[in-house]
N, C-alpha and C. Protein backbone atom coordinates (compact mmCIF):
# COMPACT_ATOMS: atom_id res chain seq x y z
N MET A 1 -20.41 -33.15 19.63
CA MET A 1 -19.36 -32.50 19.89
C MET A 1 -19.15 -31.04 19.15
N GLN A 2 -18.83 -29.93 20.09
CA GLN A 2 -18.66 -28.65 19.46
C GLN A 2 -17.45 -28.08 19.45
N PHE A 3 -17.10 -27.60 18.55
CA PHE A 3 -15.72 -27.04 18.00
C PHE A 3 -15.98 -25.48 18.01
N ASN A 4 -14.92 -24.80 18.33
CA ASN A 4 -14.81 -23.30 18.44
C ASN A 4 -14.34 -22.73 16.93
N VAL A 5 -15.20 -22.18 16.41
CA VAL A 5 -14.89 -21.54 15.01
C VAL A 5 -14.45 -20.02 15.40
N PRO A 6 -13.32 -19.74 14.50
CA PRO A 6 -12.51 -18.66 14.47
C PRO A 6 -13.59 -17.59 14.11
N GLN A 7 -13.53 -16.22 14.69
CA GLN A 7 -14.34 -15.43 13.96
C GLN A 7 -13.22 -13.91 13.84
N PHE A 8 -13.58 -12.96 13.31
CA PHE A 8 -13.01 -11.80 12.76
C PHE A 8 -11.60 -12.20 12.29
N ILE A 9 -11.66 -13.41 11.18
CA ILE A 9 -10.28 -13.65 10.69
C ILE A 9 -9.87 -12.75 9.60
N GLU A 10 -10.62 -12.00 9.08
CA GLU A 10 -10.29 -10.65 7.98
C GLU A 10 -9.77 -9.64 8.74
N ILE A 11 -9.59 -9.45 9.97
CA ILE A 11 -8.99 -8.18 10.55
C ILE A 11 -7.67 -8.53 10.92
N GLU A 12 -6.79 -7.82 10.81
CA GLU A 12 -5.20 -8.06 10.90
C GLU A 12 -5.01 -7.82 12.44
N ASP A 13 -4.22 -8.50 12.93
CA ASP A 13 -3.56 -8.13 14.29
C ASP A 13 -2.83 -6.93 14.45
N LYS A 14 -3.20 -6.19 15.61
CA LYS A 14 -2.28 -5.00 15.88
C LYS A 14 -1.02 -5.45 16.63
N ILE A 15 0.12 -5.07 16.15
CA ILE A 15 1.27 -5.46 16.54
C ILE A 15 1.80 -4.26 17.43
N LEU A 16 2.00 -3.28 16.87
CA LEU A 16 2.64 -2.04 17.65
C LEU A 16 1.84 -0.97 17.81
N GLY A 17 1.05 -0.68 19.09
CA GLY A 17 -0.17 0.29 19.19
C GLY A 17 -1.09 0.03 18.17
N PRO A 18 -1.51 1.18 17.50
CA PRO A 18 -2.66 1.15 16.68
C PRO A 18 -2.14 0.50 15.08
N LEU A 19 -0.99 0.24 14.91
CA LEU A 19 -0.30 -0.30 13.61
C LEU A 19 -0.26 -1.72 13.65
N THR A 20 -0.77 -2.37 12.18
CA THR A 20 -0.55 -3.75 11.89
C THR A 20 0.94 -3.67 11.48
N LEU A 21 1.41 -5.04 11.67
CA LEU A 21 2.88 -5.37 10.92
C LEU A 21 2.93 -4.66 9.66
N LYS A 22 2.18 -5.01 8.73
CA LYS A 22 2.43 -4.35 7.58
C LYS A 22 2.48 -2.86 7.36
N GLN A 23 1.50 -2.15 8.33
CA GLN A 23 1.84 -0.75 8.31
C GLN A 23 3.10 -0.26 9.11
N PHE A 24 3.44 -1.17 9.99
CA PHE A 24 4.68 -0.65 10.82
C PHE A 24 5.98 -1.14 9.83
N LEU A 25 5.89 -1.89 8.98
CA LEU A 25 6.98 -2.00 7.90
C LEU A 25 7.03 -0.94 6.97
N LEU A 26 5.95 -0.46 6.46
CA LEU A 26 5.81 0.38 5.59
C LEU A 26 6.43 1.76 6.15
N PHE A 27 6.16 2.01 7.43
CA PHE A 27 6.76 3.38 7.96
C PHE A 27 8.12 3.30 8.22
N LEU A 28 8.72 2.06 8.65
CA LEU A 28 9.89 1.70 8.83
C LEU A 28 10.90 1.73 7.50
N GLY A 29 10.17 1.39 6.33
CA GLY A 29 10.93 1.57 5.19
C GLY A 29 10.75 2.90 4.70
N ALA A 30 10.03 3.73 4.82
CA ALA A 30 9.81 4.98 4.76
C ALA A 30 10.98 6.13 5.38
N ALA A 31 10.99 5.48 6.58
CA ALA A 31 11.93 6.34 7.35
C ALA A 31 13.37 5.76 6.91
N LEU A 32 13.70 4.67 6.49
CA LEU A 32 14.99 4.19 5.96
C LEU A 32 15.39 4.94 4.75
N VAL A 33 14.33 5.00 3.91
CA VAL A 33 14.46 5.90 2.76
C VAL A 33 14.72 7.42 3.04
N LEU A 34 14.25 7.79 3.83
CA LEU A 34 14.46 9.34 4.38
C LEU A 34 15.78 9.77 4.84
N ILE A 35 16.48 8.49 5.70
CA ILE A 35 17.69 8.49 6.29
C ILE A 35 18.72 8.52 5.29
N PHE A 36 18.43 7.62 4.16
CA PHE A 36 19.35 7.25 3.07
C PHE A 36 19.31 8.75 2.39
N LEU A 37 18.12 9.46 2.08
CA LEU A 37 18.31 10.77 1.23
C LEU A 37 18.93 11.88 1.92
N TRP A 38 18.76 11.69 3.64
CA TRP A 38 19.31 12.75 4.34
C TRP A 38 20.84 12.83 4.15
N TYR A 39 21.44 11.59 4.17
CA TYR A 39 22.79 11.51 4.20
C TYR A 39 23.34 11.60 2.70
N LEU A 40 22.79 11.45 1.52
CA LEU A 40 23.34 11.47 0.55
C LEU A 40 23.12 12.87 -0.48
N PHE A 41 21.88 13.35 -0.09
CA PHE A 41 21.35 14.64 -0.64
C PHE A 41 21.38 15.90 0.14
N ARG A 42 21.06 17.23 -0.38
CA ARG A 42 20.87 18.30 0.09
C ARG A 42 19.44 18.22 0.80
N LEU A 43 19.26 19.29 1.68
CA LEU A 43 17.89 19.34 2.32
C LEU A 43 16.86 19.70 1.36
N ALA A 44 16.94 20.43 0.20
CA ALA A 44 16.01 20.62 -0.86
C ALA A 44 15.71 19.34 -1.55
N VAL A 45 16.49 18.45 -2.00
CA VAL A 45 16.10 17.12 -2.49
C VAL A 45 15.39 16.11 -1.41
N VAL A 46 15.77 16.34 -0.05
CA VAL A 46 15.12 15.57 0.78
C VAL A 46 13.80 15.98 0.87
N ILE A 47 13.44 17.38 0.86
CA ILE A 47 12.13 17.69 1.01
C ILE A 47 11.26 17.51 -0.19
N ILE A 48 11.84 17.73 -1.37
CA ILE A 48 11.14 17.53 -2.70
C ILE A 48 10.68 16.00 -2.80
N VAL A 49 11.62 15.10 -2.63
CA VAL A 49 11.36 13.61 -2.68
C VAL A 49 10.88 13.22 -1.51
N GLY A 50 10.98 13.41 -0.27
CA GLY A 50 10.62 12.79 0.94
C GLY A 50 8.92 13.24 1.28
N VAL A 51 8.87 14.41 1.11
CA VAL A 51 7.54 15.03 1.55
C VAL A 51 6.38 14.18 1.00
N PRO A 52 6.63 14.05 -0.71
CA PRO A 52 5.46 13.34 -1.28
C PRO A 52 5.50 11.85 -0.99
N LEU A 53 6.77 11.33 -0.98
CA LEU A 53 6.89 10.10 -0.46
C LEU A 53 6.23 9.52 0.84
N LEU A 54 6.25 10.41 1.95
CA LEU A 54 5.57 10.35 3.27
C LEU A 54 4.19 10.46 3.01
N LEU A 55 3.76 11.41 2.30
CA LEU A 55 2.33 11.63 1.93
C LEU A 55 1.86 10.34 1.41
N PHE A 56 2.44 9.74 0.35
CA PHE A 56 1.74 8.59 -0.35
C PHE A 56 1.85 7.58 0.47
N LEU A 57 2.89 7.09 1.30
CA LEU A 57 3.23 5.95 2.21
C LEU A 57 1.99 6.24 3.45
N GLY A 58 1.65 7.31 3.78
CA GLY A 58 1.12 7.73 4.89
C GLY A 58 -0.53 7.33 4.27
N ALA A 59 -0.97 7.60 3.06
CA ALA A 59 -2.33 7.58 2.50
C ALA A 59 -2.30 6.17 2.35
N GLY A 60 -1.15 5.33 1.99
CA GLY A 60 -1.26 3.75 1.93
C GLY A 60 -1.45 3.13 2.95
N VAL A 61 -1.18 3.57 4.27
CA VAL A 61 -1.04 2.84 5.49
C VAL A 61 -2.41 2.91 6.21
N PHE A 62 -3.13 4.26 5.96
CA PHE A 62 -4.24 4.72 6.76
C PHE A 62 -5.65 4.48 6.06
N ILE A 63 -5.53 5.09 4.70
CA ILE A 63 -6.64 5.29 3.77
C ILE A 63 -7.23 3.93 3.50
N LYS A 64 -8.49 3.77 3.42
CA LYS A 64 -9.12 2.38 2.76
C LYS A 64 -10.31 2.82 2.09
N ILE A 65 -10.54 2.23 0.62
CA ILE A 65 -11.34 2.75 -0.12
C ILE A 65 -12.22 1.39 -0.60
N ASN A 66 -13.49 1.53 0.01
CA ASN A 66 -14.32 0.47 -0.30
C ASN A 66 -13.95 -0.92 0.31
N GLY A 67 -13.15 -0.71 1.54
CA GLY A 67 -12.72 -1.54 2.45
C GLY A 67 -11.37 -2.25 1.88
N ARG A 68 -10.85 -1.77 0.78
CA ARG A 68 -9.48 -2.39 0.36
C ARG A 68 -8.61 -1.29 0.61
N SER A 69 -7.47 -1.83 0.89
CA SER A 69 -6.09 -0.72 1.30
C SER A 69 -6.06 0.24 -0.10
N PHE A 70 -5.13 1.26 0.34
CA PHE A 70 -5.01 2.27 -0.71
C PHE A 70 -3.79 1.85 -1.75
N PHE A 71 -3.00 0.68 -1.34
CA PHE A 71 -2.02 0.21 -2.16
C PHE A 71 -2.68 -0.69 -3.11
N ILE A 72 -4.01 -1.52 -2.68
CA ILE A 72 -4.62 -2.44 -3.80
C ILE A 72 -5.25 -1.68 -4.59
N TYR A 73 -5.86 -0.55 -4.29
CA TYR A 73 -6.62 0.23 -4.92
C TYR A 73 -5.66 0.80 -6.26
N ILE A 74 -4.59 1.32 -5.90
CA ILE A 74 -3.58 1.83 -6.80
C ILE A 74 -3.12 0.72 -7.56
N LEU A 75 -2.76 -0.41 -7.23
CA LEU A 75 -2.46 -1.47 -7.94
C LEU A 75 -3.43 -2.03 -8.96
N SER A 76 -4.68 -2.05 -8.55
CA SER A 76 -5.89 -2.21 -9.38
C SER A 76 -6.07 -1.07 -10.60
N TRP A 77 -6.03 0.40 -10.15
CA TRP A 77 -5.88 1.07 -11.01
C TRP A 77 -4.75 0.87 -12.12
N PHE A 78 -3.77 0.79 -11.91
CA PHE A 78 -2.60 0.83 -12.85
C PHE A 78 -2.89 -0.59 -13.59
N LYS A 79 -3.43 -1.71 -13.34
CA LYS A 79 -3.72 -2.84 -13.79
C LYS A 79 -4.67 -2.59 -14.90
N PHE A 80 -5.82 -1.84 -14.75
CA PHE A 80 -6.90 -1.30 -15.62
C PHE A 80 -6.24 -0.65 -16.73
N TRP A 81 -5.42 0.26 -16.51
CA TRP A 81 -4.90 1.40 -17.57
C TRP A 81 -3.73 0.60 -18.31
N ALA A 82 -3.23 -0.52 -17.80
CA ALA A 82 -1.95 -1.12 -18.58
C ALA A 82 -2.71 -2.25 -19.47
N SER A 83 -3.74 -2.82 -19.00
CA SER A 83 -4.35 -3.99 -19.83
C SER A 83 -5.46 -3.63 -20.89
N PRO A 84 -5.03 -4.25 -22.15
CA PRO A 84 -6.26 -3.80 -23.29
C PRO A 84 -7.57 -4.19 -22.73
N ARG A 85 -8.33 -3.06 -23.49
CA ARG A 85 -9.94 -3.28 -23.14
C ARG A 85 -10.84 -3.38 -24.23
N VAL A 86 -10.05 -3.60 -25.60
CA VAL A 86 -10.85 -3.99 -26.48
C VAL A 86 -10.92 -5.52 -27.01
N TYR A 87 -11.97 -5.79 -26.95
CA TYR A 87 -12.15 -7.30 -27.31
C TYR A 87 -12.91 -7.62 -28.76
N VAL A 88 -11.96 -8.18 -29.50
CA VAL A 88 -12.46 -8.60 -30.87
C VAL A 88 -12.95 -10.06 -30.90
N TRP A 89 -14.30 -10.37 -31.19
CA TRP A 89 -14.77 -11.66 -31.39
C TRP A 89 -14.60 -12.29 -32.89
N ARG A 90 -13.86 -13.30 -32.90
CA ARG A 90 -13.66 -14.01 -33.96
C ARG A 90 -14.08 -15.60 -34.09
N ARG A 91 -14.89 -15.82 -34.96
CA ARG A 91 -15.35 -17.10 -34.99
C ARG A 91 -14.34 -17.88 -35.50
N LYS A 92 -14.30 -19.12 -34.70
CA LYS A 92 -13.37 -20.01 -35.27
C LYS A 92 -13.63 -20.93 -36.56
N GLN A 93 -12.99 -21.27 -37.30
CA GLN A 93 -13.55 -22.00 -38.61
C GLN A 93 -12.98 -23.29 -38.79
């Protein structure tokens, strides 16, 4: 008896055009934050806060480093710098 084996299971499904669901939700969240900033603050604040936010989220959506998403890479970087890297060996008595 033969069974069909799923292939390409590590590739995310494209939901909206070339975007996956995660990418679309990130763009939607960025748009909501920009709309929130637009109604609460002046144009200068929107530009100062919004442009870096859009650049960071755009990088997070589209850039992959060594096959990993940009956000996973940034989280790994923060974990590396936050965790202690000095190991002291003590013999138990």
